[in-house]
C-alpha atoms as a PDB file:
ATOM      1  CA  MET A   1       9.761 -48.080  74.275  1.00  0.00           C
ATOM      2  CA  VAL A   2       8.771 -45.656  77.341  1.00  0.00           C
ATOM      3  CA  VAL A   3       5.418 -45.430  76.280  1.00  0.00           C
ATOM      4  CA  PRO A   4       3.934 -49.204  76.880  1.00  0.00           C
ATOM      5  CA  LYS A   5       6.033 -49.315  80.080  1.00  0.00           C
ATOM      6  CA  VAL A   6       4.718 -46.403  81.697  1.00  0.00           C
ATOM      7  CA  LEU A   7       0.776 -46.329  80.128  1.00  0.00           C
ATOM      8  CA  PRO A   8      -0.568 -48.928  82.407  1.00  0.00           C
ATOM      9  CA  VAL A   9       0.498 -47.379  85.298  1.00  0.00           C
ATOM     10  CA  LEU A  10      -0.872 -43.894  84.152  1.00  0.00           C
ATOM     11  CA  VAL A  11      -4.421 -45.455  83.324  1.00  0.00           C
ATOM     12  CA  LYS A  12      -4.476 -47.144  87.026  1.00  0.00           C
ATOM     13  CA  TRP A  13      -3.641 -43.818  88.430  1.00  0.00           C
ATOM     14  CA  ILE A  14      -5.961 -41.523  86.319  1.00  0.00           C
ATOM     15  CA  GLU A  15      -9.009 -43.835  86.604  1.00  0.00           C
ATOM     16  CA  LYS A  16      -8.755 -43.317  90.115  1.00  0.00           C
ATOM     17  CA  GLN A  17      -8.752 -39.702  90.057  1.00  0.00           C
ATOM     18  CA  MET A  18     -12.033 -39.914  87.760  1.00  0.00           C
ATOM     19  CA  VAL A  19     -14.288 -40.427  90.679  1.00  0.00           C
ATOM     20  CA  HIS A  20     -13.455 -37.434  92.149  1.00  0.00           C
ATOM     21  CA  HIS A  21     -12.393 -34.901  89.380  1.00  0.00           C
ATOM     22  CA  SER A  22     -14.515 -35.402  86.805  1.00  0.00           C
ATOM     23  CA  HIS A  23     -17.437 -32.528  85.951  1.00  0.00           C
ATOM     24  CA  PHE A  24     -20.108 -35.130  86.814  1.00  0.00           C
ATOM     25  CA  ASP A  25     -20.984 -37.876  89.033  1.00  0.00           C
ATOM     26  CA  ASP A  26     -19.531 -41.566  88.577  1.00  0.00           C
ATOM     27  CA  SER A  27     -22.639 -43.489  87.556  1.00  0.00           C
ATOM     28  CA  PRO A  28     -23.479 -45.798  84.540  1.00  0.00           C
ATOM     29  CA  PHE A  29     -25.731 -43.041  82.808  1.00  0.00           C
ATOM     30  CA  ILE A  30     -24.198 -39.534  82.365  1.00  0.00           C
ATOM     31  CA  SER A  31     -26.684 -36.261  82.425  1.00  0.00           C
ATOM     32  CA  GLU A  32     -26.567 -34.731  78.610  1.00  0.00           C
ATOM     33  CA  SER A  33     -25.822 -31.251  80.509  1.00  0.00           C
ATOM     34  CA  ALA A  34     -22.146 -31.959  80.468  1.00  0.00           C
ATOM     35  CA  PHE A  35     -22.080 -31.850  76.701  1.00  0.00           C
ATOM     36  CA  PRO A  36     -23.812 -29.345  75.355  1.00  0.00           C
ATOM     37  CA  TRP A  37     -23.164 -30.036  71.773  1.00  0.00           C
ATOM     38  CA  SER A  38     -25.518 -32.830  71.585  1.00  0.00           C
ATOM     39  CA  ARG A  39     -28.300 -30.872  71.133  1.00  0.00           C
ATOM     40  CA  GLY A  40     -27.088 -29.544  67.958  1.00  0.00           C
ATOM     41  CA  LEU A  41     -26.249 -33.164  66.486  1.00  0.00           C
ATOM     42  CA  GLU A  42     -29.397 -34.351  67.852  1.00  0.00           C
ATOM     43  CA  GLY A  43     -31.367 -31.446  66.051  1.00  0.00           C
ATOM     44  CA  ASN A  44     -29.780 -32.388  62.633  1.00  0.00           C
ATOM     45  CA  TRP A  45     -29.810 -36.323  63.067  1.00  0.00           C
ATOM     46  CA  ARG A  46     -32.367 -36.832  60.212  1.00  0.00           C
ATOM     47  CA  ASP A  47     -29.285 -35.408  57.691  1.00  0.00           C
ATOM     48  CA  ILE A  48     -27.169 -38.065  59.496  1.00  0.00           C
ATOM     49  CA  ARG A  49     -29.566 -40.760  58.890  1.00  0.00           C
ATOM     50  CA  ALA A  50     -30.036 -40.103  55.173  1.00  0.00           C
ATOM     51  CA  GLU A  51     -26.342 -40.868  54.906  1.00  0.00           C
ATOM     52  CA  LEU A  52     -26.711 -44.005  56.717  1.00  0.00           C
ATOM     53  CA  ASP A  53     -29.526 -45.038  54.609  1.00  0.00           C
ATOM     54  CA  ALA A  54     -27.647 -44.589  51.577  1.00  0.00           C
ATOM     55  CA  LEU A  55     -24.667 -46.538  53.116  1.00  0.00           C
ATOM     56  CA  LEU A  56     -27.478 -49.474  54.125  1.00  0.00           C
ATOM     57  CA  GLU A  57     -27.736 -50.163  50.399  1.00  0.00           C
ATOM     58  CA  HIS A  58     -24.034 -51.867  50.562  1.00  0.00           C
ATOM     59  CA  ARG A  59     -24.712 -53.417  54.092  1.00  0.00           C
ATOM     60  CA  GLU A  60     -23.259 -56.777  53.469  1.00  0.00           C
ATOM     61  CA  ALA A  61     -20.037 -55.266  52.162  1.00  0.00           C
ATOM     62  CA  LEU A  62     -19.637 -53.079  55.682  1.00  0.00           C
ATOM     63  CA  PRO A  63     -17.039 -54.575  57.717  1.00  0.00           C
ATOM     64  CA  ASN A  64     -17.918 -56.291  60.848  1.00  0.00           C
ATOM     65  CA  PHE A  65     -16.728 -54.870  63.950  1.00  0.00           C
ATOM     66  CA  GLN A  66     -13.975 -57.610  64.533  1.00  0.00           C
ATOM     67  CA  ASP A  67     -12.755 -57.204  61.187  1.00  0.00           C
ATOM     68  CA  ILE A  68     -11.536 -53.382  61.870  1.00  0.00           C
ATOM     69  CA  SER A  69     -10.929 -54.215  65.909  1.00  0.00           C
ATOM     70  CA  THR A  70      -9.549 -58.022  66.134  1.00  0.00           C
ATOM     71  CA  ASP A  71      -9.667 -57.339  70.153  1.00  0.00           C
ATOM     72  CA  GLN A  72     -13.825 -57.416  69.714  1.00  0.00           C
ATOM     73  CA  ARG A  73     -13.508 -61.215  68.599  1.00  0.00           C
ATOM     74  CA  ARG A  74     -14.109 -61.765  72.679  1.00  0.00           C
ATOM     75  CA  ILE A  75     -17.638 -60.509  72.404  1.00  0.00           C
ATOM     76  CA  THR A  76     -18.869 -60.977  68.535  1.00  0.00           C
ATOM     77  CA  ASN A  77     -17.818 -63.521  66.008  1.00  0.00           C
ATOM     78  CA  ASP A  78     -20.743 -63.317  63.322  1.00  0.00           C
ATOM     79  CA  ASN A  79     -21.806 -61.149  60.912  1.00  0.00           C
ATOM     80  CA  GLN A  80     -24.488 -58.977  62.612  1.00  0.00           C
ATOM     81  CA  TRP A  81     -22.454 -56.118  64.258  1.00  0.00           C
ATOM     82  CA  LYS A  82     -21.547 -54.021  60.954  1.00  0.00           C
ATOM     83  CA  THR A  83     -19.537 -50.793  61.280  1.00  0.00           C
ATOM     84  CA  TYR A  84     -18.751 -47.461  59.420  1.00  0.00           C
ATOM     85  CA  PHE A  85     -15.721 -45.408  60.783  1.00  0.00           C
ATOM     86  CA  PHE A  86     -15.365 -41.898  60.367  1.00  0.00           C
ATOM     87  CA  TYR A  87     -12.798 -41.430  63.513  1.00  0.00           C
ATOM     88  CA  GLY A  88     -11.096 -44.058  65.072  1.00  0.00           C
ATOM     89  CA  TYR A  89      -8.869 -42.849  68.620  1.00  0.00           C
ATOM     90  CA  GLY A  90      -8.467 -39.557  67.021  1.00  0.00           C
ATOM     91  CA  PHE A  91      -7.253 -40.973  63.427  1.00  0.00           C
ATOM     92  CA  ARG A  92      -9.990 -39.529  60.741  1.00  0.00           C
ATOM     93  CA  PHE A  93     -10.766 -42.037  57.905  1.00  0.00           C
ATOM     94  CA  ASP A  94     -11.111 -39.238  54.874  1.00  0.00           C
ATOM     95  CA  ALA A  95     -12.666 -41.351  52.502  1.00  0.00           C
ATOM     96  CA  ASN A  96     -15.384 -42.722  54.743  1.00  0.00           C
ATOM     97  CA  CYS A  97     -15.829 -39.004  55.830  1.00  0.00           C
ATOM     98  CA  GLU A  98     -16.053 -37.879  52.177  1.00  0.00           C
ATOM     99  CA  ARG A  99     -19.034 -40.052  51.195  1.00  0.00           C
ATOM    100  CA  CYS A 100     -20.995 -38.857  54.348  1.00  0.00           C
ATOM    101  CA  PRO A 101     -20.141 -35.285  54.264  1.00  0.00           C
ATOM    102  CA  ARG A 102     -23.411 -34.004  56.355  1.00  0.00           C
ATOM    103  CA  THR A 103     -22.164 -36.524  58.972  1.00  0.00           C
ATOM    104  CA  ALA A 104     -18.493 -35.437  59.025  1.00  0.00           C
ATOM    105  CA  GLU A 105     -19.289 -32.042  59.119  1.00  0.00           C
ATOM    106  CA  LEU A 106     -21.231 -32.142  62.015  1.00  0.00           C
ATOM    107  CA  LEU A 107     -18.599 -34.448  63.600  1.00  0.00           C
ATOM    108  CA  ALA A 108     -15.682 -32.001  63.211  1.00  0.00           C
ATOM    109  CA  ARG A 109     -17.418 -29.517  65.641  1.00  0.00           C
ATOM    110  CA  ILE A 110     -17.487 -31.703  68.718  1.00  0.00           C
ATOM    111  CA  PRO A 111     -14.793 -31.139  71.223  1.00  0.00           C
ATOM    112  CA  GLY A 112     -12.786 -34.174  72.249  1.00  0.00           C
ATOM    113  CA  LEU A 113     -14.228 -36.339  70.015  1.00  0.00           C
ATOM    114  CA  LYS A 114     -11.839 -39.151  69.331  1.00  0.00           C
ATOM    115  CA  THR A 115     -14.219 -42.177  67.847  1.00  0.00           C
ATOM    116  CA  ALA A 116     -17.040 -42.112  65.656  1.00  0.00           C
ATOM    117  CA  PHE A 117     -18.833 -44.639  63.544  1.00  0.00           C
ATOM    118  CA  PHE A 118     -22.014 -46.131  62.482  1.00  0.00           C
ATOM    119  CA  SER A 119     -22.712 -49.214  64.764  1.00  0.00           C
ATOM    120  CA  ILE A 120     -25.431 -51.364  63.122  1.00  0.00           C
ATOM    121  CA  LEU A 121     -26.879 -54.466  65.315  1.00  0.00           C
ATOM    122  CA  GLY A 122     -28.397 -57.252  62.611  1.00  0.00           C
ATOM    123  CA  PRO A 123     -31.806 -58.686  63.610  1.00  0.00           C
ATOM    124  CA  HIS A 124     -31.752 -60.607  66.988  1.00  0.00           C
ATOM    125  CA  LYS A 125     -28.161 -59.713  67.664  1.00  0.00           C
ATOM    126  CA  HIS A 126     -26.631 -59.704  71.433  1.00  0.00           C
ATOM    127  CA  VAL A 127     -23.852 -58.247  72.703  1.00  0.00           C
ATOM    128  CA  PRO A 128     -22.702 -59.901  75.533  1.00  0.00           C
ATOM    129  CA  PRO A 129     -21.819 -58.278  79.190  1.00  0.00           C
ATOM    130  CA  HIS A 130     -18.406 -56.754  78.741  1.00  0.00           C
ATOM    131  CA  ARG A 131     -16.236 -53.876  80.099  1.00  0.00           C
ATOM    132  CA  GLY A 132     -14.747 -50.792  77.827  1.00  0.00           C
ATOM    133  CA  PRO A 133     -10.807 -50.674  78.216  1.00  0.00           C
ATOM    134  CA  TYR A 134     -10.704 -46.996  79.542  1.00  0.00           C
ATOM    135  CA  LYS A 135     -12.503 -44.320  81.825  1.00  0.00           C
ATOM    136  CA  GLY A 136     -11.145 -41.758  79.979  1.00  0.00           C
ATOM    137  CA  VAL A 137     -13.513 -41.085  77.528  1.00  0.00           C
ATOM    138  CA  VAL A 138     -17.464 -41.177  77.446  1.00  0.00           C
ATOM    139  CA  ARG A 139     -19.535 -43.191  75.368  1.00  0.00           C
ATOM    140  CA  TYR A 140     -22.389 -41.568  73.209  1.00  0.00           C
ATOM    141  CA  HIS A 141     -25.295 -43.348  71.195  1.00  0.00           C
ATOM    142  CA  LEU A 142     -27.607 -40.880  68.695  1.00  0.00           C
ATOM    143  CA  ALA A 143     -30.160 -43.125  67.866  1.00  0.00           C
ATOM    144  CA  LEU A 144     -30.936 -43.214  64.226  1.00  0.00           C
ATOM    145  CA  LYS A 145     -32.636 -46.400  63.186  1.00  0.00           C
ATOM    146  CA  ILE A 146     -34.636 -48.038  65.642  1.00  0.00           C
ATOM    147  CA  PRO A 147     -37.218 -50.749  64.747  1.00  0.00           C
ATOM    148  CA  SER A 148     -40.717 -51.120  66.394  1.00  0.00           C
ATOM    149  CA  PRO A 149     -41.261 -52.008  69.035  1.00  0.00           C
ATOM    150  CA  GLU A 150     -38.566 -49.629  70.585  1.00  0.00           C
ATOM    151  CA  ASN A 151     -38.456 -51.519  73.862  1.00  0.00           C
ATOM    152  CA  ALA A 152     -37.400 -54.508  71.892  1.00  0.00           C
ATOM    153  CA  CYS A 153     -33.910 -53.002  71.774  1.00  0.00           C
ATOM    154  CA  GLY A 154     -31.934 -51.711  74.475  1.00  0.00           C
ATOM    155  CA  ILE A 155     -28.701 -51.509  76.677  1.00  0.00           C
ATOM    156  CA  ARG A 156     -27.862 -52.440  80.038  1.00  0.00           C
ATOM    157  CA  VAL A 157     -25.261 -50.409  81.742  1.00  0.00           C
ATOM    158  CA  GLY A 158     -24.237 -50.967  85.297  1.00  0.00           C
ATOM    159  CA  GLY A 159     -27.543 -53.143  86.144  1.00  0.00           C
ATOM    160  CA  GLN A 160     -29.211 -49.876  84.437  1.00  0.00           C
ATOM    161  CA  GLU A 161     -31.582 -50.608  81.431  1.00  0.00           C
ATOM    162  CA  ALA A 162     -32.125 -47.977  78.489  1.00  0.00           C
ATOM    163  CA  HIS A 163     -34.146 -48.205  75.118  1.00  0.00           C
ATOM    164  CA  TRP A 164     -32.979 -45.884  72.158  1.00  0.00           C
ATOM    165  CA  ASN A 165     -35.674 -43.240  70.796  1.00  0.00           C
ATOM    166  CA  GLU A 166     -34.860 -42.293  67.075  1.00  0.00           C
ATOM    167  CA  GLY A 167     -33.363 -38.616  67.358  1.00  0.00           C
ATOM    168  CA  THR A 168     -32.273 -38.543  71.131  1.00  0.00           C
ATOM    169  CA  GLY A 169     -28.919 -39.636  72.433  1.00  0.00           C
ATOM    170  CA  MET A 170     -27.589 -41.046  75.721  1.00  0.00           C
ATOM    171  CA  PHE A 171     -24.318 -40.787  77.421  1.00  0.00           C
ATOM    172  CA  PHE A 172     -22.714 -43.671  79.504  1.00  0.00           C
ATOM    173  CA  ASP A 173     -19.603 -44.692  80.948  1.00  0.00           C
ATOM    174  CA  ASP A 174     -18.565 -48.189  79.141  1.00  0.00           C
ATOM    175  CA  THR A 175     -16.197 -49.267  82.135  1.00  0.00           C
ATOM    176  CA  TYR A 176     -19.364 -50.439  83.768  1.00  0.00           C
ATOM    177  CA  VAL A 177     -19.998 -53.870  82.730  1.00  0.00           C
ATOM    178  CA  HIS A 178     -22.651 -53.250  79.724  1.00  0.00           C
ATOM    179  CA  GLU A 179     -24.708 -55.574  76.998  1.00  0.00           C
ATOM    180  CA  ALA A 180     -26.983 -54.658  73.961  1.00  0.00           C
ATOM    181  CA  TRP A 181     -29.380 -56.475  72.031  1.00  0.00           C
ATOM    182  CA  ASN A 182     -31.534 -56.042  69.298  1.00  0.00           C
ATOM    183  CA  GLY A 183     -34.856 -58.263  69.646  1.00  0.00           C
ATOM    184  CA  THR A 184     -36.320 -57.270  66.249  1.00  0.00           C
ATOM    185  CA  ASP A 185     -36.285 -58.534  62.826  1.00  0.00           C
ATOM    186  CA  GLU A 186     -34.420 -55.535  61.434  1.00  0.00           C
ATOM    187  CA  ASP A 187     -31.430 -53.454  61.760  1.00  0.00           C
ATOM    188  CA  ARG A 188     -30.834 -50.918  65.107  1.00  0.00           C
ATOM    189  CA  ALA A 189     -28.282 -48.404  64.217  1.00  0.00           C
ATOM    190  CA  VAL A 190     -26.620 -45.852  66.251  1.00  0.00           C
ATOM    191  CA  LEU A 191     -23.885 -43.308  65.641  1.00  0.00           C
ATOM    192  CA  PHE A 192     -21.488 -44.436  68.503  1.00  0.00           C
ATOM    193  CA  MET A 193     -18.969 -41.855  69.713  1.00  0.00           C
ATOM    194  CA  ASP A 194     -16.193 -41.601  72.502  1.00  0.00           C
ATOM    195  CA  VAL A 195     -15.492 -38.339  73.612  1.00  0.00           C
ATOM    196  CA  VAL A 196     -12.856 -37.192  76.231  1.00  0.00           C
ATOM    197  CA  ARG A 197     -13.816 -37.046  79.339  1.00  0.00           C
ATOM    198  CA  PRO A 198     -14.180 -33.396  81.155  1.00  0.00           C
ATOM    199  CA  MET A 199     -12.122 -33.312  83.928  1.00  0.00           C
ATOM    200  CA  ALA A 200     -10.539 -30.684  86.149  1.00  0.00           C
ATOM    201  CA  PHE A 201      -6.652 -29.666  85.506  1.00  0.00           C
ATOM    202  CA  PRO A 202      -3.923 -31.358  85.999  1.00  0.00           C
ATOM    203  CA  TYR A 203      -5.761 -34.197  85.626  1.00  0.00           C
ATOM    204  CA  SER A 204      -7.350 -33.685  82.279  1.00  0.00           C
ATOM    205  CA  LEU A 205      -3.763 -33.328  80.734  1.00  0.00           C
ATOM    206  CA  VAL A 206      -2.761 -36.788  82.156  1.00  0.00           C
ATOM    207  CA  ASN A 207      -5.917 -37.959  80.792  1.00  0.00           C
ATOM    208  CA  ASN A 208      -4.975 -36.455  77.184  1.00  0.00           C
ATOM    209  CA  LEU A 209      -1.485 -38.226  77.561  1.00  0.00           C
ATOM    210  CA  VAL A 210      -2.835 -41.601  78.184  1.00  0.00           C
ATOM    211  CA  ILE A 211      -5.307 -41.084  75.425  1.00  0.00           C
ATOM    212  CA  GLN A 212      -2.298 -39.986  73.004  1.00  0.00           C
ATOM    213  CA  GLY A 213      -0.488 -42.958  74.379  1.00  0.00           C
ATOM    214  CA  ILE A 214      -3.428 -45.815  73.472  1.00  0.00           C
ATOM    215  CA  ALA A 215      -3.479 -44.187  69.814  1.00  0.00           C
ATOM    216  CA  ARG A 216       0.029 -45.254  69.656  1.00  0.00           C
ATOM    217  CA  SER A 217      -0.643 -48.836  71.007  1.00  0.00           C
ATOM    218  CA  ARG A 218      -0.486 -52.021  68.765  1.00  0.00           C
ATOM    219  CA  PHE A 219      -4.321 -52.715  69.022  1.00  0.00           C
ATOM    220  CA  VAL A 220      -5.119 -49.281  67.998  1.00  0.00           C
ATOM    221  CA  GLN A 221      -2.459 -49.269  64.880  1.00  0.00           C
ATOM    222  CA  GLU A 222      -3.602 -52.632  63.850  1.00  0.00           C
ATOM    223  CA  ALA A 223      -7.102 -51.518  63.593  1.00  0.00           C
ATOM    224  CA  LYS A 224      -6.567 -48.085  61.813  1.00  0.00           C
ATOM    225  CA  GLY A 225      -4.284 -50.615  59.507  1.00  0.00           C
ATOM    226  CA  ASN A 226      -7.520 -52.961  58.914  1.00  0.00           C
ATOM    227  CA  GLN A 227      -9.737 -49.651  58.377  1.00  0.00           C
ATOM    228  CA  ASP A 228      -7.485 -48.553  55.738  1.00  0.00           C
ATOM    229  CA  ALA A 229      -7.452 -51.732  53.869  1.00  0.00           C
ATOM    230  CA  TRP A 230     -11.275 -51.943  53.809  1.00  0.00           C
ATOM    231  CA  GLU A 231     -11.592 -48.439  52.687  1.00  0.00           C
ATOM    232  CA  ARG A 232      -9.723 -49.160  49.831  1.00  0.00           C
ATOM    233  CA  ARG A 233     -11.762 -52.195  48.767  1.00  0.00           C
ATOM    234  CA  PHE A 234     -14.713 -50.554  49.211  1.00  0.00           C
ATOM    235  CA  ALA A 235     -13.815 -47.605  47.158  1.00  0.00           C
ATOM    236  CA  GLN A 236     -13.240 -50.397  44.468  1.00  0.00           C
ATOM    237  CA  LEU A 237     -16.581 -51.993  44.863  1.00  0.00           C
ATOM    238  CA  LEU A 238     -17.929 -48.866  44.182  1.00  0.00           C
ATOM    239  CA  GLU A 239     -16.151 -47.836  41.305  1.00  0.00           C
ATOM    240  CA  ARG A 240     -17.440 -50.956  39.893  1.00  0.00           C
ATOM    241  CA  LYS A 241     -21.012 -50.308  39.990  1.00  0.00           C
END
């Protein structure tokens, strides 16, 4: 196939262009001014938190990150990183969205949204240093459930440390080496999202082509299949209750 052969070359080329043609500086943490939609999302964070709380009643049934994306086994292999996917590289998971209608409604308004899920780190979970696969998307965390003390939960990106505060978000470039931790006895939860990096034309067009190619890749298709299978099992579980 042409896409697998061309994609690595495109990825390397477009990532080099991003330093000069993005709509913001190349730094670990990114100002929210480039993403004005974030204010509307943060203004409704309590609605999202309410739907998260309802899901956490079934916490043990939620999939581990590596159960959906097997590539994540290199950074997590226990039951302490739970997920609940709404979107994955552009694919919408309808059943999950229907269970959280308010969250789904808010997500549908976000331009360039590619991935979105509830990311739940269990007590004393540490995600070791790692690098994201592609610079063409920007990572966003909306803090939904941050146990006290807040400074016991944190993230380090490119050597810069930050801490979540409920109801506020942070943007960062996940291609900088980063790690995250929850040093408390409770769950830490965020709405985890990837959105298309704003770039000048024609680099924005090439970036979109690369993202489409990644969405067709084996590892994304495998993760989509795993998510679809989990959704069916979860629906059956809820029907029995």
